[in-house]
Protein backbone atom coordinates (compact mmCIF):
# COMPACT_ATOMS: atom_id res chain seq x y z
CA ASP A 1 110.96 118.46 104.78
CA VAL A 2 110.56 117.59 108.43
CA THR A 3 113.67 117.14 110.54
CA LEU A 4 113.62 115.28 113.84
CA ASP A 5 114.30 116.88 117.21
CA PRO A 6 117.06 114.90 118.97
CA ASP A 7 116.09 116.46 122.32
CA THR A 8 112.77 114.57 122.19
CA ALA A 9 114.15 111.18 121.04
CA ASN A 10 113.71 108.17 123.29
CA PRO A 11 117.15 106.76 124.25
CA PHE A 12 116.35 103.50 122.40
CA LEU A 13 116.22 105.36 119.06
CA ILE A 14 119.10 106.27 116.78
CA LEU A 15 118.69 109.40 114.67
CA ALA A 16 120.43 109.79 111.32
CA SER A 17 123.15 112.43 111.25
CA ASP A 18 120.96 114.66 109.04
CA GLN A 19 118.06 114.21 111.52
CA ARG A 20 115.74 113.05 108.71
CA GLY A 21 115.66 109.38 109.66
CA VAL A 22 115.32 107.24 112.76
CA GLY A 23 115.82 103.59 113.62
CA ARG A 24 115.61 101.37 116.66
CA GLY A 25 118.84 100.73 118.49
CA HIS A 26 119.91 97.53 120.18
CA GLN A 27 120.60 99.17 123.51
CA TRP A 28 119.60 102.15 125.60
CA THR A 29 121.77 105.21 124.93
CA LEU A 30 122.76 107.37 127.88
CA LEU A 31 121.16 110.73 127.13
CA PRO A 32 120.33 113.65 129.40
CA ASN A 33 116.90 113.30 130.98
CA SER A 34 114.81 116.25 129.94
CA PRO A 35 111.11 117.18 130.11
CA LYS A 36 111.14 117.17 126.28
CA ARG A 37 112.43 113.57 125.96
CA PHE A 38 110.18 110.50 125.64
CA ASP A 39 111.33 108.23 128.47
CA THR A 40 109.27 105.08 127.88
CA GLU A 41 107.83 105.02 124.36
CA PRO A 42 110.19 104.81 121.36
CA CYS A 43 109.12 108.18 119.95
CA VAL A 44 110.67 111.30 118.49
CA LEU A 45 109.02 114.55 117.40
CA GLY A 46 109.76 116.74 114.44
CA SER A 47 111.68 119.96 115.00
CA GLN A 48 109.05 122.01 113.20
CA GLY A 49 105.68 122.86 114.65
CA PHE A 50 102.61 123.86 112.66
CA ALA A 51 99.53 125.84 113.69
CA VAL A 52 97.97 126.97 110.38
CA GLY A 53 97.83 125.90 106.75
CA ARG A 54 98.44 122.53 105.11
CA HIS A 55 101.66 120.59 105.57
CA CYS A 56 102.61 117.25 103.97
CA TRP A 57 105.67 115.04 104.23
CA GLU A 58 106.65 111.48 103.38
CA VAL A 59 107.96 108.81 105.72
CA GLU A 60 109.72 105.72 104.36
CA VAL A 61 108.51 102.61 106.17
CA ALA A 62 109.65 99.77 103.86
CA GLU A 63 112.43 98.71 106.22
CA ALA A 64 110.90 99.88 109.49
CA GLY A 65 110.54 96.41 111.01
CA ASP A 66 107.66 94.64 112.76
CA TRP A 67 106.31 97.63 114.68
CA TRP A 68 106.25 101.29 113.88
CA ALA A 69 103.95 104.29 113.81
CA VAL A 70 103.97 107.56 111.88
CA GLY A 71 101.78 110.56 112.43
CA VAL A 72 101.22 113.89 114.09
CA ALA A 73 101.40 114.81 117.77
CA GLN A 74 100.47 117.93 119.67
CA GLU A 75 103.47 119.80 121.02
CA SER A 76 101.96 119.27 124.49
CA VAL A 77 101.90 115.46 124.13
CA ARG A 78 102.91 113.65 127.32
CA ARG A 79 106.53 112.48 127.11
CA LYS A 80 106.79 110.44 130.32
CA GLY A 81 105.29 107.01 130.90
CA VAL A 82 103.22 104.76 128.65
CA LEU A 83 101.11 106.38 125.90
CA SER A 84 98.03 105.02 124.13
CA PHE A 85 98.96 106.62 120.75
CA THR A 86 95.44 107.93 120.19
CA PRO A 87 93.81 111.29 119.46
CA GLN A 88 92.76 111.45 123.11
CA GLU A 89 96.50 111.56 123.97
CA GLY A 90 97.12 114.19 121.27
CA ILE A 91 98.49 111.70 118.71
CA TRP A 92 97.03 110.95 115.26
CA ALA A 93 98.92 108.00 113.79
CA VAL A 94 98.85 104.86 111.70
CA GLY A 95 101.27 101.99 111.91
CA GLN A 96 102.13 98.34 111.87
CA TRP A 97 102.04 96.07 114.88
CA PHE A 98 103.61 92.70 114.01
CA GLY A 99 102.10 92.33 110.54
CA GLN A 100 98.78 94.07 111.22
CA TYR A 101 98.20 97.63 110.05
CA HIS A 102 96.09 99.96 112.20
CA ALA A 103 94.91 103.50 112.64
CA PHE A 104 95.44 104.24 116.32
CA THR A 105 91.92 105.35 117.22
CA ASP A 106 89.89 105.56 120.46
CA PRO A 107 88.77 103.36 122.14
CA ASP A 108 90.05 100.53 119.90
CA TRP A 109 92.51 100.56 117.05
CA THR A 110 90.93 100.50 113.58
CA PRO A 111 92.31 97.68 111.39
CA LEU A 112 93.55 98.84 108.00
CA HIS A 113 93.07 96.47 105.08
CA LEU A 114 95.74 97.60 102.66
CA THR A 115 95.78 96.03 99.20
CA CYS A 116 99.45 96.97 98.79
CA LEU A 117 101.91 97.48 101.61
CA PRO A 118 103.32 101.00 101.31
CA ARG A 119 107.04 101.66 100.99
CA ALA A 120 106.43 105.25 102.07
CA ILE A 121 103.49 107.02 103.68
CA GLN A 122 102.43 110.59 102.97
CA VAL A 123 101.24 112.41 106.09
CA CYS A 124 99.16 115.57 105.59
CA LEU A 125 98.16 117.90 108.40
CA ASP A 126 95.47 120.29 107.16
CA PHE A 127 94.23 122.94 109.57
CA THR A 128 91.77 124.37 107.03
CA GLU A 129 90.02 121.02 106.51
CA LYS A 130 90.67 120.07 110.16
CA GLN A 131 92.10 116.66 109.37
CA VAL A 132 95.19 114.47 109.33
CA THR A 133 95.35 112.15 106.32
CA PHE A 134 97.61 109.26 105.44
CA ALA A 135 98.16 107.90 101.93
CA ASP A 136 100.50 105.57 100.08
CA ALA A 137 103.18 108.01 98.89
CA GLU A 138 103.71 106.15 95.59
CA SER A 139 100.18 105.21 94.52
CA GLU A 140 98.45 108.05 96.41
CA ALA A 141 95.90 105.47 97.63
CA PRO A 142 94.21 106.76 100.80
CA ILE A 143 95.06 104.87 103.99
CA PHE A 144 93.14 106.71 106.72
CA ALA A 145 91.85 110.15 107.74
CA PHE A 146 91.40 111.58 111.22
CA ARG A 147 89.18 114.56 111.95
CA LEU A 148 90.72 117.18 114.22
CA ALA A 149 88.49 118.46 117.02
């Protein structure tokens, strides 16, 4: 299980007390400014980092709202200013942007044509296969795969 790192959370986000869930707040929370914290984008990183092996986890998205993204980011991802949410920025993610599902690819987002809207997404980071894959956690239907450089 992945837990979220509150020290990286954008002040617009509200983390669950067990640090396993996150939601959007209705106002900016006064939090200490830190080099680890996302200051512009509504992002939060997991507490755990991975460098070898295969790691999978599930993210519930059924009640995530009109816009959200789930994925993997390099520990060195830029935390200040606007991000493009692409592999070039060190982010491999899929998400919904006001009813449209996308893989956040360079230079343009790749539309995802999902036959069934997932309630939860399985994210797998596989260093052996050098890829990040996304699948419907219930049906196991593939959603998208990124190759790692």
